């Protein structure tokens, strides 16, 4: 039986509505950035532009540097697959405040909807388990957003969530594309001076 696929924009909005205000959010390029921005721009969100494969390593570094705050990477399967080796380091470190959320439509959405490896047989939850991330789940029901938000709030274990989503393309909601402004706003949310 084919598992259900979710509306990504609704899932992201539901998830972010349930996490603490001080949660640090890193977005993968493209659709995840649009979805997070559409849910409401908030301090502590870092939008990646053109940094394919960088969401998970950036979130890992933040989680290690900010252990008292929840850190969430929201990315797509294509972007995530470009930096899949990062999961080895995540599995070696296992910061309890880190959550990786992979919105998986089984396609490389930003480059023309070519099939991604997840549509060709790669099981991301099994991959995460193989790298030592014990709390790895597959999400196929919108109600699971609340459970994932609870895990994020608890900061009890590194969590990995593969969220099966449709290939639908909602209207784009573009966050600011000024990298310096994004960096400065994010540093301000961390209480750090700009340079």
Foldseek 3Di string as FASTA:
>chain_A
DDFAAAAVLLLLLLLVVLADLLEAEEEAPDPRQQSNVVSPDGFRYFYDHPPQQCQVVVQVVVCVVCVPHAYEYEYEPRSNVVNVVVLLVCQVVWQLRYEYEYAYQQAPLVPPGDGHVVVVPDDVQVSSVVSRQPAEEEDRDSVCSNVVSVSNRVSGTYHYYYHGHHSDDDDGDDDDPPNLVSVQSNCVSVVHHHD
